[in-house]
Amino acid sequence: MIKGVNHRVIEVMDSGCEYFERVIFFVKPEYSALSEGTLRDRARAVAGNTSAPPPSKISQARLMTAGALLAAAGLGAAIAFTLQFFLK
């Protein structure tokens, strides 16, 4: 939800990135007096610098969780084997 109604918005339809269809920029109030051409040129330049999104932190967290679970399972198996060996 956007609060307020006094925002200038610049929409770039061709982002130059295969992942994004369009980019919407909200102009800071202190720069709203600049000409529309200047704002559009700057918005296109910023949108043109987009590339592939960074790797998801969620997938990295899942890998860490899976590694911790595997380590815990291995440790549990080692403890069970050791106990079984000594209790016979």
PDB file of N, CA and C in Angstrom:
ATOM      1  N   MET A   1       0.847  -1.176   0.000  1.00  0.00           N
ATOM      2  CA  MET A   1       0.000   0.000   0.000  1.00  0.00           C
ATOM      3  C   MET A   1       0.893   1.240   0.000  1.00  0.00           C
ATOM      4  N   ILE A   2       0.513   2.211  -0.799  1.00  0.00           N
ATOM      5  CA  ILE A   2       1.265   3.460  -0.894  1.00  0.00           C
ATOM      6  C   ILE A   2       0.521   4.519  -0.107  1.00  0.00           C
ATOM      7  N   LYS A   3       1.216   5.115   0.849  1.00  0.00           N
ATOM      8  CA  LYS A   3       0.608   6.172   1.646  1.00  0.00           C
ATOM      9  C   LYS A   3       0.893   7.510   0.990  1.00  0.00           C
ATOM     10  N   GLY A   4      -0.074   8.385   0.996  1.00  0.00           N
ATOM     11  CA  GLY A   4       0.094   9.705   0.420  1.00  0.00           C
ATOM     12  C   GLY A   4      -0.214   9.707  -1.066  1.00  0.00           C
ATOM     13  N   VAL A   5      -0.381  10.892  -1.614  1.00  0.00           N
ATOM     14  CA  VAL A   5      -0.710  11.004  -3.028  1.00  0.00           C
ATOM     15  C   VAL A   5       0.237  11.924  -3.770  1.00  0.00           C
ATOM     16  N   ASN A   6       1.243  12.456  -3.104  1.00  0.00           N
ATOM     17  CA  ASN A   6       2.134  13.428  -3.726  1.00  0.00           C
ATOM     18  C   ASN A   6       3.443  12.800  -4.184  1.00  0.00           C
ATOM     19  N   HIS A   7       3.372  11.645  -4.779  1.00  0.00           N
ATOM     20  CA  HIS A   7       4.577  10.972  -5.267  1.00  0.00           C
ATOM     21  C   HIS A   7       4.622  11.045  -6.791  1.00  0.00           C
ATOM     22  N   ARG A   8       5.807  11.336  -7.313  1.00  0.00           N
ATOM     23  CA  ARG A   8       6.024  11.207  -8.753  1.00  0.00           C
ATOM     24  C   ARG A   8       6.538   9.808  -8.998  1.00  0.00           C
ATOM     25  N   VAL A   9       6.038   9.192 -10.042  1.00  0.00           N
ATOM     26  CA  VAL A   9       6.394   7.818 -10.363  1.00  0.00           C
ATOM     27  C   VAL A   9       6.927   7.772 -11.782  1.00  0.00           C
ATOM     28  N   ILE A  10       8.034   7.048 -11.953  1.00  0.00           N
ATOM     29  CA  ILE A  10       8.593   6.807 -13.282  1.00  0.00           C
ATOM     30  C   ILE A  10       8.519   5.302 -13.508  1.00  0.00           C
ATOM     31  N   GLU A  11       7.918   4.906 -14.616  1.00  0.00           N
ATOM     32  CA  GLU A  11       7.804   3.483 -14.944  1.00  0.00           C
ATOM     33  C   GLU A  11       8.636   3.196 -16.190  1.00  0.00           C
ATOM     34  N   VAL A  12       9.541   2.250 -16.072  1.00  0.00           N
ATOM     35  CA  VAL A  12      10.361   1.837 -17.205  1.00  0.00           C
ATOM     36  C   VAL A  12       9.801   0.511 -17.698  1.00  0.00           C
ATOM     37  N   MET A  13       9.287   0.503 -18.928  1.00  0.00           N
ATOM     38  CA  MET A  13       8.635  -0.687 -19.470  1.00  0.00           C
ATOM     39  C   MET A  13       9.640  -1.756 -19.898  1.00  0.00           C
ATOM     40  N   ASP A  14      10.775  -1.330 -20.446  1.00  0.00           N
ATOM     41  CA  ASP A  14      11.796  -2.290 -20.872  1.00  0.00           C
ATOM     42  C   ASP A  14      12.946  -2.211 -19.881  1.00  0.00           C
ATOM     43  N   SER A  15      12.971  -3.155 -18.947  1.00  0.00           N
ATOM     44  CA  SER A  15      13.966  -3.094 -17.876  1.00  0.00           C
ATOM     45  C   SER A  15      15.353  -3.524 -18.345  1.00  0.00           C
ATOM     46  N   GLY A  16      15.452  -4.203 -19.488  1.00  0.00           N
ATOM     47  CA  GLY A  16      16.733  -4.687 -19.960  1.00  0.00           C
ATOM     48  C   GLY A  16      17.166  -5.963 -19.264  1.00  0.00           C
ATOM     49  N   CYS A  17      16.290  -6.544 -18.474  1.00  0.00           N
ATOM     50  CA  CYS A  17      16.585  -7.775 -17.754  1.00  0.00           C
ATOM     51  C   CYS A  17      15.505  -8.793 -18.067  1.00  0.00           C
ATOM     52  N   GLU A  18      15.925 -10.007 -18.342  1.00  0.00           N
ATOM     53  CA  GLU A  18      14.960 -11.039 -18.716  1.00  0.00           C
ATOM     54  C   GLU A  18      14.027 -11.430 -17.582  1.00  0.00           C
ATOM     55  N   TYR A  19      14.385 -11.124 -16.359  1.00  0.00           N
ATOM     56  CA  TYR A  19      13.577 -11.508 -15.206  1.00  0.00           C
ATOM     57  C   TYR A  19      12.426 -10.547 -14.922  1.00  0.00           C
ATOM     58  N   PHE A  20      12.556  -9.284 -15.358  1.00  0.00           N
ATOM     59  CA  PHE A  20      11.582  -8.266 -14.989  1.00  0.00           C
ATOM     60  C   PHE A  20      10.944  -7.648 -16.219  1.00  0.00           C
ATOM     61  N   GLU A  21       9.627  -7.512 -16.163  1.00  0.00           N
ATOM     62  CA  GLU A  21       8.869  -6.929 -17.264  1.00  0.00           C
ATOM     63  C   GLU A  21       8.940  -5.411 -17.236  1.00  0.00           C
ATOM     64  N   ARG A  22       8.815  -4.846 -16.056  1.00  0.00           N
ATOM     65  CA  ARG A  22       8.871  -3.392 -15.903  1.00  0.00           C
ATOM     66  C   ARG A  22       9.397  -3.046 -14.521  1.00  0.00           C
ATOM     67  N   VAL A  23       9.872  -1.807 -14.396  1.00  0.00           N
ATOM     68  CA  VAL A  23      10.397  -1.329 -13.125  1.00  0.00           C
ATOM     69  C   VAL A  23       9.686  -0.016 -12.803  1.00  0.00           C
ATOM     70  N   ILE A  24       9.258   0.120 -11.556  1.00  0.00           N
ATOM     71  CA  ILE A  24       8.574   1.339 -11.135  1.00  0.00           C
ATOM     72  C   ILE A  24       9.444   2.034 -10.090  1.00  0.00           C
ATOM     73  N   PHE A  25       9.733   3.311 -10.341  1.00  0.00           N
ATOM     74  CA  PHE A  25      10.548   4.120  -9.436  1.00  0.00           C
ATOM     75  C   PHE A  25       9.678   5.200  -8.810  1.00  0.00           C
ATOM     76  N   PHE A  26       9.818   5.375  -7.509  1.00  0.00           N
ATOM     77  CA  PHE A  26       9.154   6.467  -6.803  1.00  0.00           C
ATOM     78  C   PHE A  26      10.202   7.549  -6.581  1.00  0.00           C
ATOM     79  N   VAL A  27       9.939   8.731  -7.106  1.00  0.00           N
ATOM     80  CA  VAL A  27      10.903   9.834  -7.047  1.00  0.00           C
ATOM     81  C   VAL A  27      10.861  10.467  -5.664  1.00  0.00           C
ATOM     82  N   LYS A  28      12.042  10.683  -5.099  1.00  0.00           N
ATOM     83  CA  LYS A  28      12.131  11.355  -3.801  1.00  0.00           C
ATOM     84  C   LYS A  28      11.604  12.782  -3.953  1.00  0.00           C
ATOM     85  N   PRO A  29      10.926  13.286  -2.934  1.00  0.00           N
ATOM     86  CA  PRO A  29      10.337  14.628  -3.035  1.00  0.00           C
ATOM     87  C   PRO A  29      11.345  15.721  -3.379  1.00  0.00           C
ATOM     88  N   GLU A  30      12.569  15.605  -2.873  1.00  0.00           N
ATOM     89  CA  GLU A  30      13.552  16.659  -3.147  1.00  0.00           C
ATOM     90  C   GLU A  30      14.015  16.673  -4.610  1.00  0.00           C
ATOM     91  N   TYR A  31      13.745  15.599  -5.360  1.00  0.00           N
ATOM     92  CA  TYR A  31      14.135  15.545  -6.776  1.00  0.00           C
ATOM     93  C   TYR A  31      12.940  15.641  -7.715  1.00  0.00           C
ATOM     94  N   SER A  32      11.770  15.882  -7.199  1.00  0.00           N
ATOM     95  CA  SER A  32      10.577  15.921  -8.049  1.00  0.00           C
ATOM     96  C   SER A  32      10.551  17.145  -8.956  1.00  0.00           C
ATOM     97  N   ALA A  33      11.363  18.150  -8.673  1.00  0.00           N
ATOM     98  CA  ALA A  33      11.408  19.345  -9.511  1.00  0.00           C
ATOM     99  C   ALA A  33      12.243  19.143 -10.772  1.00  0.00           C
ATOM    100  N   LEU A  34      13.019  18.072 -10.847  1.00  0.00           N
ATOM    101  CA  LEU A  34      13.822  17.808 -12.048  1.00  0.00           C
ATOM    102  C   LEU A  34      12.907  17.530 -13.230  1.00  0.00           C
ATOM    103  N   SER A  35      13.436  17.732 -14.420  1.00  0.00           N
ATOM    104  CA  SER A  35      12.615  17.513 -15.608  1.00  0.00           C
ATOM    105  C   SER A  35      12.310  16.022 -15.784  1.00  0.00           C
ATOM    106  N   GLU A  36      11.204  15.758 -16.440  1.00  0.00           N
ATOM    107  CA  GLU A  36      10.798  14.367 -16.660  1.00  0.00           C
ATOM    108  C   GLU A  36      11.841  13.620 -17.480  1.00  0.00           C
ATOM    109  N   GLY A  37      12.453  14.281 -18.440  1.00  0.00           N
ATOM    110  CA  GLY A  37      13.484  13.650 -19.258  1.00  0.00           C
ATOM    111  C   GLY A  37      14.684  13.209 -18.433  1.00  0.00           C
ATOM    112  N   THR A  38      15.120  14.065 -17.521  1.00  0.00           N
ATOM    113  CA  THR A  38      16.253  13.734 -16.657  1.00  0.00           C
ATOM    114  C   THR A  38      15.920  12.538 -15.779  1.00  0.00           C
ATOM    115  N   LEU A  39      14.722  12.555 -15.187  1.00  0.00           N
ATOM    116  CA  LEU A  39      14.310  11.450 -14.324  1.00  0.00           C
ATOM    117  C   LEU A  39      14.191  10.146 -15.108  1.00  0.00           C
ATOM    118  N   ARG A  40      13.624  10.225 -16.325  1.00  0.00           N
ATOM    119  CA  ARG A  40      13.487   9.016 -17.150  1.00  0.00           C
ATOM    120  C   ARG A  40      14.850   8.461 -17.547  1.00  0.00           C
ATOM    121  N   ASP A  41      15.770   9.353 -17.914  1.00  0.00           N
ATOM    122  CA  ASP A  41      17.112   8.896 -18.293  1.00  0.00           C
ATOM    123  C   ASP A  41      17.801   8.197 -17.123  1.00  0.00           C
ATOM    124  N   ARG A  42      17.681   8.770 -15.939  1.00  0.00           N
ATOM    125  CA  ARG A  42      18.305   8.170 -14.754  1.00  0.00           C
ATOM    126  C   ARG A  42      17.632   6.832 -14.416  1.00  0.00           C
ATOM    127  N   ALA A  43      16.310   6.781 -14.541  1.00  0.00           N
ATOM    128  CA  ALA A  43      15.582   5.543 -14.262  1.00  0.00           C
ATOM    129  C   ALA A  43      15.984   4.448 -15.247  1.00  0.00           C
ATOM    130  N   ARG A  44      16.121   4.796 -16.523  1.00  0.00           N
ATOM    131  CA  ARG A  44      16.554   3.804 -17.524  1.00  0.00           C
ATOM    132  C   ARG A  44      17.971   3.308 -17.228  1.00  0.00           C
ATOM    133  N   ALA A  45      18.839   4.233 -16.807  1.00  0.00           N
ATOM    134  CA  ALA A  45      20.214   3.840 -16.492  1.00  0.00           C
ATOM    135  C   ALA A  45      20.242   2.873 -15.312  1.00  0.00           C
ATOM    136  N   VAL A  46      19.457   3.151 -14.293  1.00  0.00           N
ATOM    137  CA  VAL A  46      19.420   2.264 -13.126  1.00  0.00           C
ATOM    138  C   VAL A  46      18.794   0.926 -13.508  1.00  0.00           C
ATOM    139  N   ALA A  47      17.703   0.957 -14.267  1.00  0.00           N
ATOM    140  CA  ALA A  47      17.045  -0.288 -14.684  1.00  0.00           C
ATOM    141  C   ALA A  47      17.949  -1.097 -15.605  1.00  0.00           C
ATOM    142  N   GLY A  48      18.770  -0.430 -16.399  1.00  0.00           N
ATOM    143  CA  GLY A  48      19.676  -1.129 -17.298  1.00  0.00           C
ATOM    144  C   GLY A  48      20.804  -1.839 -16.581  1.00  0.00           C
ATOM    145  N   ASN A  49      21.066  -1.447 -15.338  1.00  0.00           N
ATOM    146  CA  ASN A  49      22.128  -2.084 -14.555  1.00  0.00           C
ATOM    147  C   ASN A  49      21.646  -3.331 -13.820  1.00  0.00           C
ATOM    148  N   THR A  50      20.401  -3.703 -14.042  1.00  0.00           N
ATOM    149  CA  THR A  50      19.897  -4.895 -13.362  1.00  0.00           C
ATOM    150  C   THR A  50      20.485  -6.139 -14.001  1.00  0.00           C
ATOM    151  N   SER A  51      20.648  -7.162 -13.216  1.00  0.00           N
ATOM    152  CA  SER A  51      21.143  -8.439 -13.715  1.00  0.00           C
ATOM    153  C   SER A  51      20.364  -9.535 -13.009  1.00  0.00           C
ATOM    154  N   ALA A  52      20.867 -10.723 -13.074  1.00  0.00           N
ATOM    155  CA  ALA A  52      20.194 -11.834 -12.414  1.00  0.00           C
ATOM    156  C   ALA A  52      20.100 -11.555 -10.924  1.00  0.00           C
ATOM    157  N   PRO A  53      18.983 -11.919 -10.313  1.00  0.00           N
ATOM    158  CA  PRO A  53      18.861 -11.695  -8.872  1.00  0.00           C
ATOM    159  C   PRO A  53      19.891 -12.512  -8.098  1.00  0.00           C
ATOM    160  N   PRO A  54      20.299 -12.032  -6.939  1.00  0.00           N
ATOM    161  CA  PRO A  54      21.282 -12.783  -6.151  1.00  0.00           C
ATOM    162  C   PRO A  54      20.699 -14.110  -5.681  1.00  0.00           C
ATOM    163  N   PRO A  55      21.559 -15.063  -5.350  1.00  0.00           N
ATOM    164  CA  PRO A  55      21.046 -16.338  -4.874  1.00  0.00           C
ATOM    165  C   PRO A  55      20.181 -16.142  -3.638  1.00  0.00           C
ATOM    166  N   SER A  56      19.150 -16.900  -3.566  1.00  0.00           N
ATOM    167  CA  SER A  56      18.201 -16.767  -2.471  1.00  0.00           C
ATOM    168  C   SER A  56      18.831 -17.195  -1.149  1.00  0.00           C
ATOM    169  N   LYS A  57      18.628 -16.401  -0.126  1.00  0.00           N
ATOM    170  CA  LYS A  57      19.138 -16.745   1.195  1.00  0.00           C
ATOM    171  C   LYS A  57      18.348 -17.908   1.775  1.00  0.00           C
ATOM    172  N   ILE A  58      17.129 -18.081   1.296  1.00  0.00           N
ATOM    173  CA  ILE A  58      16.320 -19.195   1.790  1.00  0.00           C
ATOM    174  C   ILE A  58      16.955 -20.520   1.387  1.00  0.00           C
ATOM    175  N   SER A  59      17.432 -20.630   0.161  1.00  0.00           N
ATOM    176  CA  SER A  59      18.039 -21.883  -0.265  1.00  0.00           C
ATOM    177  C   SER A  59      19.341 -22.147   0.503  1.00  0.00           C
ATOM    178  N   GLN A  60      20.094 -21.098   0.810  1.00  0.00           N
ATOM    179  CA  GLN A  60      21.306 -21.265   1.603  1.00  0.00           C
ATOM    180  C   GLN A  60      20.957 -21.726   3.014  1.00  0.00           C
ATOM    181  N   ALA A  61      19.890 -21.185   3.573  1.00  0.00           N
ATOM    182  CA  ALA A  61      19.460 -21.593   4.909  1.00  0.00           C
ATOM    183  C   ALA A  61      18.996 -23.046   4.896  1.00  0.00           C
ATOM    184  N   ARG A  62      18.323 -23.442   3.835  1.00  0.00           N
ATOM    185  CA  ARG A  62      17.880 -24.835   3.734  1.00  0.00           C
ATOM    186  C   ARG A  62      19.067 -25.786   3.637  1.00  0.00           C
ATOM    187  N   LEU A  63      20.098 -25.395   2.905  1.00  0.00           N
ATOM    188  CA  LEU A  63      21.293 -26.229   2.814  1.00  0.00           C
ATOM    189  C   LEU A  63      21.970 -26.359   4.175  1.00  0.00           C
ATOM    190  N   MET A  64      22.043 -25.281   4.913  1.00  0.00           N
ATOM    191  CA  MET A  64      22.639 -25.329   6.246  1.00  0.00           C
ATOM    192  C   MET A  64      21.826 -26.224   7.176  1.00  0.00           C
ATOM    193  N   THR A  65      20.510 -26.134   7.093  1.00  0.00           N
ATOM    194  CA  THR A  65      19.641 -26.966   7.925  1.00  0.00           C
ATOM    195  C   THR A  65      19.792 -28.434   7.556  1.00  0.00           C
ATOM    196  N   ALA A  66      19.820 -28.715   6.260  1.00  0.00           N
ATOM    197  CA  ALA A  66      19.980 -30.102   5.817  1.00  0.00           C
ATOM    198  C   ALA A  66      21.330 -30.659   6.268  1.00  0.00           C
ATOM    199  N   GLY A  67      22.379 -29.862   6.185  1.00  0.00           N
ATOM    200  CA  GLY A  67      23.699 -30.301   6.643  1.00  0.00           C
ATOM    201  C   GLY A  67      23.711 -30.577   8.138  1.00  0.00           C
ATOM    202  N   ALA A  68      23.069 -29.723   8.903  1.00  0.00           N
ATOM    203  CA  ALA A  68      23.015 -29.919  10.359  1.00  0.00           C
ATOM    204  C   ALA A  68      22.226 -31.182  10.699  1.00  0.00           C
ATOM    205  N   LEU A  69      21.135 -31.428   9.989  1.00  0.00           N
ATOM    206  CA  LEU A  69      20.339 -32.637  10.237  1.00  0.00           C
ATOM    207  C   LEU A  69      21.118 -33.901   9.883  1.00  0.00           C
ATOM    208  N   LEU A  70      21.836 -33.866   8.778  1.00  0.00           N
ATOM    209  CA  LEU A  70      22.653 -35.022   8.396  1.00  0.00           C
ATOM    210  C   LEU A  70      23.768 -35.270   9.410  1.00  0.00           C
ATOM    211  N   ALA A  71      24.382 -34.216   9.890  1.00  0.00           N
ATOM    212  CA  ALA A  71      25.436 -34.363  10.899  1.00  0.00           C
ATOM    213  C   ALA A  71      24.861 -34.941  12.193  1.00  0.00           C
ATOM    214  N   ALA A  72      23.693 -34.473  12.585  1.00  0.00           N
ATOM    215  CA  ALA A  72      23.055 -34.993  13.802  1.00  0.00           C
ATOM    216  C   ALA A  72      22.681 -36.464  13.632  1.00  0.00           C
ATOM    217  N   ALA A  73      22.179 -36.836  12.455  1.00  0.00           N
ATOM    218  CA  ALA A  73      21.827 -38.235  12.207  1.00  0.00           C
ATOM    219  C   ALA A  73      23.075 -39.115  12.236  1.00  0.00           C
ATOM    220  N   GLY A  74      24.156 -38.643  11.652  1.00  0.00           N
ATOM    221  CA  GLY A  74      25.410 -39.398  11.667  1.00  0.00           C
ATOM    222  C   GLY A  74      25.947 -39.566  13.076  1.00  0.00           C
ATOM    223  N   LEU A  75      25.886 -38.511  13.854  1.00  0.00           N
ATOM    224  CA  LEU A  75      26.346 -38.577  15.240  1.00  0.00           C
ATOM    225  C   LEU A  75      25.474 -39.540  16.045  1.00  0.00           C
ATOM    226  N   GLY A  76      24.171 -39.500  15.829  1.00  0.00           N
ATOM    227  CA  GLY A  76      23.258 -40.418  16.516  1.00  0.00           C
ATOM    228  C   GLY A  76      23.539 -41.864  16.151  1.00  0.00           C
ATOM    229  N   ALA A  77      23.799 -42.110  14.868  1.00  0.00           N
ATOM    230  CA  ALA A  77      24.115 -43.475  14.436  1.00  0.00           C
ATOM    231  C   ALA A  77      25.425 -43.947  15.058  1.00  0.00           C
ATOM    232  N   ALA A  78      26.416 -43.077  15.141  1.00  0.00           N
ATOM    233  CA  ALA A  78      27.700 -43.443  15.744  1.00  0.00           C
ATOM    234  C   ALA A  78      27.545 -43.762  17.231  1.00  0.00           C
ATOM    235  N   ILE A  79      26.748 -42.961  17.913  1.00  0.00           N
ATOM    236  CA  ILE A  79      26.510 -43.210  19.339  1.00  0.00           C
ATOM    237  C   ILE A  79      25.760 -44.529  19.529  1.00  0.00           C
ATOM    238  N   ALA A  80      24.755 -44.786  18.701  1.00  0.00           N
ATOM    239  CA  ALA A  80      23.988 -46.030  18.810  1.00  0.00           C
ATOM    240  C   ALA A  80      24.873 -47.239  18.536  1.00  0.00           C
ATOM    241  N   PHE A  81      25.735 -47.157  17.540  1.00  0.00           N
ATOM    242  CA  PHE A  81      26.638 -48.256  17.214  1.00  0.00           C
ATOM    243  C   PHE A  81      27.592 -48.518  18.374  1.00  0.00           C
ATOM    244  N   THR A  82      28.132 -47.432  18.945  1.00  0.00           N
ATOM    245  CA  THR A  82      29.072 -47.568  20.058  1.00  0.00           C
ATOM    246  C   THR A  82      28.386 -48.195  21.273  1.00  0.00           C
ATOM    247  N   LEU A  83      27.200 -47.755  21.605  1.00  0.00           N
ATOM    248  CA  LEU A  83      26.473 -48.316  22.736  1.00  0.00           C
ATOM    249  C   LEU A  83      26.141 -49.794  22.513  1.00  0.00           C
ATOM    250  N   GLN A  84      25.739 -50.105  21.297  1.00  0.00           N
ATOM    251  CA  GLN A  84      25.394 -51.501  20.989  1.00  0.00           C
ATOM    252  C   GLN A  84      26.639 -52.393  21.100  1.00  0.00           C
ATOM    253  N   PHE A  85      27.772 -51.891  20.681  1.00  0.00           N
ATOM    254  CA  PHE A  85      29.024 -52.665  20.714  1.00  0.00           C
ATOM    255  C   PHE A  85      29.442 -52.945  22.161  1.00  0.00           C
ATOM    256  N   PHE A  86      29.321 -51.920  23.032  1.00  0.00           N
ATOM    257  CA  PHE A  86      29.750 -52.087  24.415  1.00  0.00           C
ATOM    258  C   PHE A  86      28.729 -52.811  25.293  1.00  0.00           C
ATOM    259  N   LEU A  87      27.477 -52.804  24.943  1.00  0.00           N
ATOM    260  CA  LEU A  87      26.448 -53.432  25.777  1.00  0.00           C
ATOM    261  C   LEU A  87      26.262 -54.914  25.458  1.00  0.00           C
ATOM    262  N   LYS A  88      26.887 -55.442  24.460  1.00  0.00           N
ATOM    263  CA  LYS A  88      26.756 -56.869  24.129  1.00  0.00           C
ATOM    264  C   LYS A  88      27.533 -57.733  25.025  1.00  0.00           C
TER     265      LYS A  88
END
